């Protein structure tokens, strides 16, 4: 079921997710990433499994309920050794180079 839902999310990605994926795919940053990847009960937007780095692209639909869900999900992932970094979709669309620089900094620290 999770794999089916992950496939659906890959087909229905946002503009920001597509832009970020175009820069992460094919080991472009020197590490392999997967998109819309199931980890336990969650599907994360992007993950570098080798360094346990999760990247989330957050849209404008965030509210208190969504924020509480994200906090629970982040805590669950961190308990299992993942680091989670989040970017707002407008930041990805307007400043992809800055987003990639942040990701590279985190990757370097996790080596």
PDB file of N, CA and C in Angstrom:
ATOM      1  N   UNK A   1       0.817  -1.190   0.000  1.00  0.00           N
ATOM      2  CA  UNK A   1       0.000   0.000   0.000  1.00  0.00           C
ATOM      3  C   UNK A   1       0.868   1.266   0.000  1.00  0.00           C
ATOM      4  N   UNK A   2       1.905   1.309   0.850  1.00  0.00           N
ATOM      5  CA  UNK A   2       2.779   2.484   0.903  1.00  0.00           C
ATOM      6  C   UNK A   2       3.505   2.671  -0.426  1.00  0.00           C
ATOM      7  N   UNK A   3       3.961   1.573  -1.031  1.00  0.00           N
ATOM      8  CA  UNK A   3       4.662   1.680  -2.311  1.00  0.00           C
ATOM      9  C   UNK A   3       3.746   2.217  -3.402  1.00  0.00           C
ATOM     10  N   UNK A   4       2.490   1.789  -3.378  1.00  0.00           N
ATOM     11  CA  UNK A   4       1.508   2.276  -4.344  1.00  0.00           C
ATOM     12  C   UNK A   4       1.277   3.780  -4.159  1.00  0.00           C
ATOM     13  N   UNK A   5       1.131   4.190  -2.909  1.00  0.00           N
ATOM     14  CA  UNK A   5       0.926   5.610  -2.613  1.00  0.00           C
ATOM     15  C   UNK A   5       2.167   6.424  -3.004  1.00  0.00           C
ATOM     16  N   UNK A   6       3.345   5.881  -2.766  1.00  0.00           N
ATOM     17  CA  UNK A   6       4.588   6.564  -3.140  1.00  0.00           C
ATOM     18  C   UNK A   6       4.657   6.753  -4.657  1.00  0.00           C
ATOM     19  N   UNK A   7       4.257   5.741  -5.425  1.00  0.00           N
ATOM     20  CA  UNK A   7       4.236   5.867  -6.888  1.00  0.00           C
ATOM     21  C   UNK A   7       3.290   6.983  -7.319  1.00  0.00           C
ATOM     22  N   UNK A   8       2.126   7.046  -6.671  1.00  0.00           N
ATOM     23  CA  UNK A   8       1.157   8.105  -6.976  1.00  0.00           C
ATOM     24  C   UNK A   8       1.768   9.483  -6.695  1.00  0.00           C
ATOM     25  N   UNK A   9       2.438   9.633  -5.553  1.00  0.00           N
ATOM     26  CA  UNK A   9       3.046  10.914  -5.201  1.00  0.00           C
ATOM     27  C   UNK A   9       4.145  11.309  -6.188  1.00  0.00           C
ATOM     28  N   UNK A  10       4.896  10.325  -6.692  1.00  0.00           N
ATOM     29  CA  UNK A  10       5.930  10.630  -7.681  1.00  0.00           C
ATOM     30  C   UNK A  10       5.304  11.168  -8.967  1.00  0.00           C
ATOM     31  N   UNK A  11       4.155  10.610  -9.347  1.00  0.00           N
ATOM     32  CA  UNK A  11       3.468  11.074 -10.559  1.00  0.00           C
ATOM     33  C   UNK A  11       2.834  12.445 -10.369  1.00  0.00           C
ATOM     34  N   UNK A  12       2.439  12.771  -9.140  1.00  0.00           N
ATOM     35  CA  UNK A  12       1.709  14.008  -8.848  1.00  0.00           C
ATOM     36  C   UNK A  12       2.573  15.033  -8.112  1.00  0.00           C
ATOM     37  N   UNK A  13       3.854  15.070  -8.393  1.00  0.00           N
ATOM     38  CA  UNK A  13       4.748  15.960  -7.657  1.00  0.00           C
ATOM     39  C   UNK A  13       4.438  17.433  -7.941  1.00  0.00           C
ATOM     40  N   UNK A  14       4.769  18.263  -6.976  1.00  0.00           N
ATOM     41  CA  UNK A  14       4.585  19.704  -7.129  1.00  0.00           C
ATOM     42  C   UNK A  14       5.685  20.266  -8.023  1.00  0.00           C
ATOM     43  N   UNK A  15       5.505  21.490  -8.459  1.00  0.00           N
ATOM     44  CA  UNK A  15       6.524  22.150  -9.271  1.00  0.00           C
ATOM     45  C   UNK A  15       7.845  22.252  -8.503  1.00  0.00           C
ATOM     46  N   UNK A  16       7.758  22.571  -7.217  1.00  0.00           N
ATOM     47  CA  UNK A  16       8.968  22.680  -6.394  1.00  0.00           C
ATOM     48  C   UNK A  16       9.654  21.324  -6.246  1.00  0.00           C
ATOM     49  N   UNK A  17       8.874  20.263  -6.018  1.00  0.00           N
ATOM     50  CA  UNK A  17       9.460  18.926  -5.906  1.00  0.00           C
ATOM     51  C   UNK A  17      10.151  18.538  -7.209  1.00  0.00           C
ATOM     52  N   UNK A  18       9.520  18.841  -8.345  1.00  0.00           N
ATOM     53  CA  UNK A  18      10.115  18.511  -9.643  1.00  0.00           C
ATOM     54  C   UNK A  18      11.431  19.268  -9.844  1.00  0.00           C
ATOM     55  N   UNK A  19      11.441  20.534  -9.465  1.00  0.00           N
ATOM     56  CA  UNK A  19      12.660  21.340  -9.622  1.00  0.00           C
ATOM     57  C   UNK A  19      13.784  20.807  -8.741  1.00  0.00           C
ATOM     58  N   UNK A  20      13.462  20.495  -7.486  1.00  0.00           N
ATOM     59  CA  UNK A  20      14.487  19.971  -6.583  1.00  0.00           C
ATOM     60  C   UNK A  20      14.961  18.600  -7.051  1.00  0.00           C
ATOM     61  N   UNK A  21      14.042  17.744  -7.472  1.00  0.00           N
ATOM     62  CA  UNK A  21      14.417  16.405  -7.937  1.00  0.00           C
ATOM     63  C   UNK A  21      15.342  16.495  -9.154  1.00  0.00           C
ATOM     64  N   UNK A  22      15.090  17.443 -10.041  1.00  0.00           N
ATOM     65  CA  UNK A  22      15.944  17.571 -11.229  1.00  0.00           C
ATOM     66  C   UNK A  22      17.389  17.892 -10.847  1.00  0.00           C
ATOM     67  N   UNK A  23      17.584  18.470  -9.667  1.00  0.00           N
ATOM     68  CA  UNK A  23      18.930  18.814  -9.203  1.00  0.00           C
ATOM     69  C   UNK A  23      19.527  17.745  -8.276  1.00  0.00           C
ATOM     70  N   UNK A  24      18.695  16.857  -7.737  1.00  0.00           N
ATOM     71  CA  UNK A  24      19.188  15.808  -6.833  1.00  0.00           C
ATOM     72  C   UNK A  24      19.440  14.483  -7.549  1.00  0.00           C
ATOM     73  N   UNK A  25      18.730  14.249  -8.616  1.00  0.00           N
ATOM     74  CA  UNK A  25      18.778  12.931  -9.256  1.00  0.00           C
ATOM     75  C   UNK A  25      20.134  12.640  -9.882  1.00  0.00           C
ATOM     76  N   UNK A  26      20.345  11.379 -10.165  1.00  0.00           N
ATOM     77  CA  UNK A  26      21.574  10.892 -10.813  1.00  0.00           C
ATOM     78  C   UNK A  26      22.849  11.313 -10.087  1.00  0.00           C
ATOM     79  N   UNK A  27      22.794  11.265  -8.757  1.00  0.00           N
ATOM     80  CA  UNK A  27      23.976  11.555  -7.932  1.00  0.00           C
ATOM     81  C   UNK A  27      24.581  12.933  -8.220  1.00  0.00           C
ATOM     82  N   UNK A  28      23.747  13.890  -8.583  1.00  0.00           N
ATOM     83  CA  UNK A  28      24.232  15.222  -8.968  1.00  0.00           C
ATOM     84  C   UNK A  28      25.003  15.917  -7.847  1.00  0.00           C
ATOM     85  N   UNK A  29      24.685  15.608  -6.596  1.00  0.00           N
ATOM     86  CA  UNK A  29      25.397  16.214  -5.465  1.00  0.00           C
ATOM     87  C   UNK A  29      26.432  15.257  -4.876  1.00  0.00           C
ATOM     88  N   UNK A  30      26.719  14.191  -5.604  1.00  0.00           N
ATOM     89  CA  UNK A  30      27.699  13.225  -5.131  1.00  0.00           C
ATOM     90  C   UNK A  30      27.116  12.146  -4.238  1.00  0.00           C
ATOM     91  N   UNK A  31      25.803  12.139  -4.093  1.00  0.00           N
ATOM     92  CA  UNK A  31      25.112  11.139  -3.279  1.00  0.00           C
ATOM     93  C   UNK A  31      23.834  10.719  -3.981  1.00  0.00           C
ATOM     94  N   UNK A  32      23.435   9.495  -3.737  1.00  0.00           N
ATOM     95  CA  UNK A  32      22.216   8.966  -4.332  1.00  0.00           C
ATOM     96  C   UNK A  32      21.001   9.354  -3.488  1.00  0.00           C
ATOM     97  N   UNK A  33      19.975   9.881  -4.144  1.00  0.00           N
ATOM     98  CA  UNK A  33      18.720  10.235  -3.486  1.00  0.00           C
ATOM     99  C   UNK A  33      17.578   9.434  -4.090  1.00  0.00           C
ATOM    100  N   UNK A  34      16.582   9.200  -3.271  1.00  0.00           N
ATOM    101  CA  UNK A  34      15.319   8.621  -3.729  1.00  0.00           C
ATOM    102  C   UNK A  34      14.233   9.642  -3.450  1.00  0.00           C
ATOM    103  N   UNK A  35      13.161   9.601  -4.243  1.00  0.00           N
ATOM    104  CA  UNK A  35      12.057  10.532  -4.002  1.00  0.00           C
ATOM    105  C   UNK A  35      10.787   9.773  -3.655  1.00  0.00           C
ATOM    106  N   UNK A  36       9.950  10.408  -2.829  1.00  0.00           N
ATOM    107  CA  UNK A  36       8.702   9.805  -2.362  1.00  0.00           C
ATOM    108  C   UNK A  36       8.968   8.364  -1.926  1.00  0.00           C
ATOM    109  N   UNK A  37       9.836   8.247  -0.951  1.00  0.00           N
ATOM    110  CA  UNK A  37      10.333   6.942  -0.507  1.00  0.00           C
ATOM    111  C   UNK A  37       9.729   6.561   0.847  1.00  0.00           C
ATOM    112  N   UNK A  38       9.145   5.357   0.949  1.00  0.00           N
ATOM    113  CA  UNK A  38       8.594   4.913   2.240  1.00  0.00           C
ATOM    114  C   UNK A  38       9.702   4.622   3.255  1.00  0.00           C
ATOM    115  N   UNK A  39       9.529   5.161   4.456  1.00  0.00           N
ATOM    116  CA  UNK A  39      10.381   4.834   5.604  1.00  0.00           C
ATOM    117  C   UNK A  39       9.425   4.572   6.756  1.00  0.00           C
ATOM    118  N   UNK A  40       9.334   3.323   7.169  1.00  0.00           N
ATOM    119  CA  UNK A  40       8.373   2.975   8.219  1.00  0.00           C
ATOM    120  C   UNK A  40       6.975   3.371   7.783  1.00  0.00           C
ATOM    121  N   UNK A  41       6.230   4.050   8.655  1.00  0.00           N
ATOM    122  CA  UNK A  41       4.848   4.411   8.320  1.00  0.00           C
ATOM    123  C   UNK A  41       4.739   5.683   7.470  1.00  0.00           C
ATOM    124  N   UNK A  42       5.857   6.276   7.090  1.00  0.00           N
ATOM    125  CA  UNK A  42       5.844   7.566   6.397  1.00  0.00           C
ATOM    126  C   UNK A  42       6.421   7.458   4.988  1.00  0.00           C
ATOM    127  N   UNK A  43       6.036   8.402   4.147  1.00  0.00           N
ATOM    128  CA  UNK A  43       6.646   8.552   2.829  1.00  0.00           C
ATOM    129  C   UNK A  43       7.306   9.924   2.827  1.00  0.00           C
ATOM    130  N   UNK A  44       8.625   9.931   2.660  1.00  0.00           N
ATOM    131  CA  UNK A  44       9.363  11.194   2.687  1.00  0.00           C
ATOM    132  C   UNK A  44       9.543  11.702   1.255  1.00  0.00           C
ATOM    133  N   UNK A  45       9.662  13.017   1.109  1.00  0.00           N
ATOM    134  CA  UNK A  45       9.807  13.598  -0.227  1.00  0.00           C
ATOM    135  C   UNK A  45      11.097  13.136  -0.890  1.00  0.00           C
ATOM    136  N   UNK A  46      12.219  13.290  -0.193  1.00  0.00           N
ATOM    137  CA  UNK A  46      13.525  12.891  -0.725  1.00  0.00           C
ATOM    138  C   UNK A  46      14.358  12.325   0.418  1.00  0.00           C
ATOM    139  N   UNK A  47      15.191  11.328   0.098  1.00  0.00           N
ATOM    140  CA  UNK A  47      16.061  10.771   1.129  1.00  0.00           C
ATOM    141  C   UNK A  47      17.374  10.310   0.506  1.00  0.00           C
ATOM    142  N   UNK A  48      18.457  10.608   1.204  1.00  0.00           N
ATOM    143  CA  UNK A  48      19.759  10.023   0.918  1.00  0.00           C
ATOM    144  C   UNK A  48      19.913   8.921   1.964  1.00  0.00           C
ATOM    145  N   UNK A  49      19.704   7.680   1.549  1.00  0.00           N
ATOM    146  CA  UNK A  49      19.705   6.568   2.503  1.00  0.00           C
ATOM    147  C   UNK A  49      21.079   6.361   3.124  1.00  0.00           C
ATOM    148  N   UNK A  50      22.145   6.548   2.340  1.00  0.00           N
ATOM    149  CA  UNK A  50      23.499   6.324   2.858  1.00  0.00           C
ATOM    150  C   UNK A  50      23.817   7.206   4.058  1.00  0.00           C
ATOM    151  N   UNK A  51      23.382   8.472   4.003  1.00  0.00           N
ATOM    152  CA  UNK A  51      23.688   9.412   5.084  1.00  0.00           C
ATOM    153  C   UNK A  51      22.474   9.710   5.961  1.00  0.00           C
ATOM    154  N   UNK A  52      21.375   9.016   5.711  1.00  0.00           N
ATOM    155  CA  UNK A  52      20.145   9.165   6.504  1.00  0.00           C
ATOM    156  C   UNK A  52      19.704  10.629   6.588  1.00  0.00           C
ATOM    157  N   UNK A  53      19.645  11.261   5.417  1.00  0.00           N
ATOM    158  CA  UNK A  53      19.186  12.640   5.326  1.00  0.00           C
ATOM    159  C   UNK A  53      17.855  12.681   4.588  1.00  0.00           C
ATOM    160  N   UNK A  54      16.844  13.233   5.233  1.00  0.00           N
ATOM    161  CA  UNK A  54      15.514  13.405   4.645  1.00  0.00           C
ATOM    162  C   UNK A  54      15.333  14.879   4.309  1.00  0.00           C
ATOM    163  N   UNK A  55      14.829  15.133   3.110  1.00  0.00           N
ATOM    164  CA  UNK A  55      14.531  16.500   2.677  1.00  0.00           C
ATOM    165  C   UNK A  55      13.040  16.574   2.378  1.00  0.00           C
ATOM    166  N   UNK A  56      12.382  17.536   3.001  1.00  0.00           N
ATOM    167  CA  UNK A  56      10.944  17.728   2.795  1.00  0.00           C
ATOM    168  C   UNK A  56      10.704  19.066   2.115  1.00  0.00           C
ATOM    169  N   UNK A  57       9.842  19.060   1.108  1.00  0.00           N
ATOM    170  CA  UNK A  57       9.410  20.277   0.422  1.00  0.00           C
ATOM    171  C   UNK A  57       8.005  20.587   0.923  1.00  0.00           C
ATOM    172  N   UNK A  58       7.887  21.654   1.678  1.00  0.00           N
ATOM    173  CA  UNK A  58       6.608  21.994   2.308  1.00  0.00           C
ATOM    174  C   UNK A  58       5.876  23.058   1.508  1.00  0.00           C
ATOM    175  N   UNK A  59       4.597  22.790   1.269  1.00  0.00           N
ATOM    176  CA  UNK A  59       3.757  23.729   0.525  1.00  0.00           C
ATOM    177  C   UNK A  59       3.002  24.653   1.446  1.00  0.00           C
ATOM    178  N   UNK A  60       2.110  25.414   0.872  1.00  0.00           N
ATOM    179  CA  UNK A  60       1.347  26.397   1.624  1.00  0.00           C
ATOM    180  C   UNK A  60       0.195  25.821   2.414  1.00  0.00           C
ATOM    181  N   UNK A  61      -0.024  24.518   2.340  1.00  0.00           N
ATOM    182  CA  UNK A  61      -1.159  23.903   3.012  1.00  0.00           C
ATOM    183  C   UNK A  61      -0.895  23.628   4.489  1.00  0.00           C
ATOM    184  N   UNK A  62       0.185  24.150   5.022  1.00  0.00           N
ATOM    185  CA  UNK A  62       0.524  23.856   6.413  1.00  0.00           C
ATOM    186  C   UNK A  62      -0.336  24.663   7.377  1.00  0.00           C
ATOM    187  N   UNK A  63      -0.848  23.965   8.366  1.00  0.00           N
ATOM    188  CA  UNK A  63      -1.639  24.570   9.435  1.00  0.00           C
ATOM    189  C   UNK A  63      -1.237  23.886  10.733  1.00  0.00           C
ATOM    190  N   UNK A  64      -1.947  24.171  11.815  1.00  0.00           N
ATOM    191  CA  UNK A  64      -1.565  23.597  13.117  1.00  0.00           C
ATOM    192  C   UNK A  64      -1.628  22.076  13.114  1.00  0.00           C
ATOM    193  N   UNK A  65      -2.649  21.510  12.498  1.00  0.00           N
ATOM    194  CA  UNK A  65      -2.774  20.047  12.456  1.00  0.00           C
ATOM    195  C   UNK A  65      -1.614  19.459  11.654  1.00  0.00           C
ATOM    196  N   UNK A  66      -1.325  20.045  10.504  1.00  0.00           N
ATOM    197  CA  UNK A  66      -0.229  19.565   9.665  1.00  0.00           C
ATOM    198  C   UNK A  66       1.112  19.729  10.385  1.00  0.00           C
ATOM    199  N   UNK A  67       1.277  20.847  11.077  1.00  0.00           N
ATOM    200  CA  UNK A  67       2.526  21.093  11.809  1.00  0.00           C
ATOM    201  C   UNK A  67       2.724  20.051  12.902  1.00  0.00           C
ATOM    202  N   UNK A  68       1.647  19.679  13.589  1.00  0.00           N
ATOM    203  CA  UNK A  68       1.738  18.650  14.635  1.00  0.00           C
ATOM    204  C   UNK A  68       2.105  17.303  14.020  1.00  0.00           C
ATOM    205  N   UNK A  69       1.515  16.983  12.875  1.00  0.00           N
ATOM    206  CA  UNK A  69       1.833  15.730  12.182  1.00  0.00           C
ATOM    207  C   UNK A  69       3.300  15.729  11.745  1.00  0.00           C
ATOM    208  N   UNK A  70       3.761  16.853  11.194  1.00  0.00           N
ATOM    209  CA  UNK A  70       5.157  16.954  10.762  1.00  0.00           C
ATOM    210  C   UNK A  70       6.118  16.790  11.937  1.00  0.00           C
ATOM    211  N   UNK A  71       5.778  17.370  13.088  1.00  0.00           N
ATOM    212  CA  UNK A  71       6.636  17.258  14.276  1.00  0.00           C
ATOM    213  C   UNK A  71       6.721  15.807  14.739  1.00  0.00           C
ATOM    214  N   UNK A  72       5.598  15.110  14.726  1.00  0.00           N
ATOM    215  CA  UNK A  72       5.570  13.689  15.123  1.00  0.00           C
ATOM    216  C   UNK A  72       6.407  12.860  14.152  1.00  0.00           C
ATOM    217  N   UNK A  73       6.239  13.121  12.885  1.00  0.00           N
ATOM    218  CA  UNK A  73       6.968  12.397  11.846  1.00  0.00           C
ATOM    219  C   UNK A  73       8.471  12.672  11.954  1.00  0.00           C
ATOM    220  N   UNK A  74       8.842  13.937  12.148  1.00  0.00           N
ATOM    221  CA  UNK A  74      10.253  14.293  12.296  1.00  0.00           C
ATOM    222  C   UNK A  74      10.857  13.596  13.511  1.00  0.00           C
ATOM    223  N   UNK A  75      10.146  13.597  14.624  1.00  0.00           N
ATOM    224  CA  UNK A  75      10.639  12.932  15.840  1.00  0.00           C
ATOM    225  C   UNK A  75      10.852  11.443  15.581  1.00  0.00           C
ATOM    226  N   UNK A  76       9.904  10.804  14.900  1.00  0.00           N
ATOM    227  CA  UNK A  76      10.005   9.370  14.595  1.00  0.00           C
ATOM    228  C   UNK A  76      11.254   9.109  13.752  1.00  0.00           C
ATOM    229  N   UNK A  77      11.473   9.926  12.732  1.00  0.00           N
ATOM    230  CA  UNK A  77      12.636   9.748  11.857  1.00  0.00           C
ATOM    231  C   UNK A  77      13.942  10.007  12.606  1.00  0.00           C
ATOM    232  N   UNK A  78      13.966  11.062  13.423  1.00  0.00           N
ATOM    233  CA  UNK A  78      15.180  11.383  14.183  1.00  0.00           C
ATOM    234  C   UNK A  78      15.519  10.295  15.192  1.00  0.00           C
ATOM    235  N   UNK A  79      14.510   9.669  15.777  1.00  0.00           N
ATOM    236  CA  UNK A  79      14.755   8.551  16.706  1.00  0.00           C
ATOM    237  C   UNK A  79      15.455   7.397  16.003  1.00  0.00           C
ATOM    238  N   UNK A  80      15.337   7.331  14.702  1.00  0.00           N
ATOM    239  CA  UNK A  80      15.948   6.261  13.920  1.00  0.00           C
ATOM    240  C   UNK A  80      17.214   6.722  13.196  1.00  0.00           C
ATOM    241  N   UNK A  81      17.722   7.886  13.593  1.00  0.00           N
ATOM    242  CA  UNK A  81      19.000   8.352  13.083  1.00  0.00           C
ATOM    243  C   UNK A  81      18.952   9.231  11.850  1.00  0.00           C
ATOM    244  N   UNK A  82      17.764   9.573  11.378  1.00  0.00           N
ATOM    245  CA  UNK A  82      17.647  10.451  10.214  1.00  0.00           C
ATOM    246  C   UNK A  82      17.717  11.908  10.646  1.00  0.00           C
ATOM    247  N   UNK A  83      18.283  12.731   9.793  1.00  0.00           N
ATOM    248  CA  UNK A  83      18.183  14.180   9.962  1.00  0.00           C
ATOM    249  C   UNK A  83      17.155  14.663   8.943  1.00  0.00           C
ATOM    250  N   UNK A  84      16.268  15.537   9.368  1.00  0.00           N
ATOM    251  CA  UNK A  84      15.210  16.046   8.497  1.00  0.00           C
ATOM    252  C   UNK A  84      15.421  17.538   8.294  1.00  0.00           C
ATOM    253  N   UNK A  85      15.506  17.944   7.033  1.00  0.00           N
ATOM    254  CA  UNK A  85      15.544  19.374   6.735  1.00  0.00           C
ATOM    255  C   UNK A  85      14.350  19.700   5.844  1.00  0.00           C
ATOM    256  N   UNK A  86      13.789  20.881   6.075  1.00  0.00           N
ATOM    257  CA  UNK A  86      12.578  21.304   5.365  1.00  0.00           C
ATOM    258  C   UNK A  86      12.823  22.613   4.633  1.00  0.00           C
ATOM    259  N   UNK A  87      12.220  22.696   3.455  1.00  0.00           N
ATOM    260  CA  UNK A  87      12.254  23.925   2.669  1.00  0.00           C
ATOM    261  C   UNK A  87      10.836  24.238   2.219  1.00  0.00           C
ATOM    262  N   UNK A  88      10.479  25.506   2.248  1.00  0.00           N
ATOM    263  CA  UNK A  88       9.192  25.938   1.709  1.00  0.00           C
ATOM    264  C   UNK A  88       9.272  25.901   0.190  1.00  0.00           C
ATOM    265  N   UNK A  89       8.192  25.488  -0.452  1.00  0.00           N
ATOM    266  CA  UNK A  89       8.162  25.427  -1.914  1.00  0.00           C
ATOM    267  C   UNK A  89       8.606  26.739  -2.565  1.00  0.00           C
ATOM    268  N   UNK A  90       8.127  27.913  -2.100  1.00  0.00           N
ATOM    269  CA  UNK A  90       8.576  29.161  -2.740  1.00  0.00           C
ATOM    270  C   UNK A  90      10.096  29.359  -2.663  1.00  0.00           C
ATOM    271  N   UNK A  91      10.726  28.901  -1.582  1.00  0.00           N
ATOM    272  CA  UNK A  91      12.185  29.010  -1.470  1.00  0.00           C
ATOM    273  C   UNK A  91      12.875  28.135  -2.510  1.00  0.00           C
ATOM    274  N   UNK A  92      12.335  26.944  -2.728  1.00  0.00           N
ATOM    275  CA  UNK A  92      12.899  26.041  -3.742  1.00  0.00           C
ATOM    276  C   UNK A  92      12.763  26.673  -5.124  1.00  0.00           C
ATOM    277  N   UNK A  93      11.600  27.227  -5.405  1.00  0.00           N
ATOM    278  CA  UNK A  93      11.347  27.795  -6.728  1.00  0.00           C
ATOM    279  C   UNK A  93      12.159  29.060  -6.990  1.00  0.00           C
ATOM    280  N   UNK A  94      12.362  29.878  -5.965  1.00  0.00           N
ATOM    281  CA  UNK A  94      13.039  31.167  -6.154  1.00  0.00           C
ATOM    282  C   UNK A  94      14.545  31.121  -5.896  1.00  0.00           C
ATOM    283  N   UNK A  95      14.993  30.141  -5.095  1.00  0.00           N
ATOM    284  CA  UNK A  95      16.396  30.140  -4.673  1.00  0.00           C
ATOM    285  C   UNK A  95      16.948  28.721  -4.627  1.00  0.00           C
ATOM    286  N   UNK A  96      16.856  28.012  -5.734  1.00  0.00           N
ATOM    287  CA  UNK A  96      17.292  26.614  -5.758  1.00  0.00           C
ATOM    288  C   UNK A  96      18.775  26.492  -5.422  1.00  0.00           C
ATOM    289  N   UNK A  97      19.592  27.453  -5.844  1.00  0.00           N
ATOM    290  CA  UNK A  97      21.029  27.367  -5.541  1.00  0.00           C
ATOM    291  C   UNK A  97      21.286  27.466  -4.041  1.00  0.00           C
ATOM    292  N   UNK A  98      20.564  28.336  -3.346  1.00  0.00           N
ATOM    293  CA  UNK A  98      20.694  28.444  -1.892  1.00  0.00           C
ATOM    294  C   UNK A  98      20.232  27.183  -1.189  1.00  0.00           C
ATOM    295  N   UNK A  99      19.145  26.586  -1.686  1.00  0.00           N
ATOM    296  CA  UNK A  99      18.640  25.328  -1.129  1.00  0.00           C
ATOM    297  C   UNK A  99      19.687  24.234  -1.299  1.00  0.00           C
ATOM    298  N   UNK A 100      20.264  24.138  -2.491  1.00  0.00           N
ATOM    299  CA  UNK A 100      21.280  23.111  -2.746  1.00  0.00           C
ATOM    300  C   UNK A 100      22.525  23.326  -1.894  1.00  0.00           C
ATOM    301  N   UNK A 101      22.888  24.569  -1.672  1.00  0.00           N
ATOM    302  CA  UNK A 101      24.036  24.872  -0.811  1.00  0.00           C
ATOM    303  C   UNK A 101      23.780  24.381   0.617  1.00  0.00           C
ATOM    304  N   UNK A 102      22.572  24.606   1.115  1.00  0.00           N
ATOM    305  CA  UNK A 102      22.207  24.119   2.454  1.00  0.00           C
ATOM    306  C   UNK A 102      22.272  22.599   2.502  1.00  0.00           C
ATOM    307  N   UNK A 103      21.733  21.947   1.477  1.00  0.00           N
ATOM    308  CA  UNK A 103      21.753  20.481   1.425  1.00  0.00           C
ATOM    309  C   UNK A 103      23.192  19.976   1.406  1.00  0.00           C
ATOM    310  N   UNK A 104      24.041  20.585   0.596  1.00  0.00           N
ATOM    311  CA  UNK A 104      25.450  20.173   0.537  1.00  0.00           C
ATOM    312  C   UNK A 104      26.138  20.336   1.885  1.00  0.00           C
ATOM    313  N   UNK A 105      25.848  21.426   2.587  1.00  0.00           N
ATOM    314  CA  UNK A 105      26.427  21.637   3.924  1.00  0.00           C
ATOM    315  C   UNK A 105      26.020  20.517   4.878  1.00  0.00           C
ATOM    316  N   UNK A 106      24.752  20.143   4.854  1.00  0.00           N
ATOM    317  CA  UNK A 106      24.265  19.084   5.745  1.00  0.00           C
ATOM    318  C   UNK A 106      24.872  17.743   5.346  1.00  0.00           C
ATOM    319  N   UNK A 107      24.953  17.466   4.052  1.00  0.00           N
ATOM    320  CA  UNK A 107      25.572  16.217   3.594  1.00  0.00           C
ATOM    321  C   UNK A 107      27.012  16.121   4.087  1.00  0.00           C
ATOM    322  N   UNK A 108      27.742  17.215   3.978  1.00  0.00           N
ATOM    323  CA  UNK A 108      29.144  17.236   4.413  1.00  0.00           C
ATOM    324  C   UNK A 108      29.258  16.937   5.908  1.00  0.00           C
ATOM    325  N   UNK A 109      28.373  17.499   6.703  1.00  0.00           N
ATOM    326  CA  UNK A 109      28.400  17.280   8.158  1.00  0.00           C
ATOM    327  C   UNK A 109      28.023  15.850   8.533  1.00  0.00           C
ATOM    328  N   UNK A 110      27.240  15.175   7.693  1.00  0.00           N
ATOM    329  CA  UNK A 110      26.781  13.819   8.019  1.00  0.00           C
ATOM    330  C   UNK A 110      27.750  12.745   7.549  1.00  0.00           C
ATOM    331  N   UNK A 111      28.774  13.111   6.826  1.00  0.00           N
ATOM    332  CA  UNK A 111      29.751  12.107   6.346  1.00  0.00           C
ATOM    333  C   UNK A 111      30.497  11.492   7.481  1.00  0.00           C
TER     334      UNK A 111
END
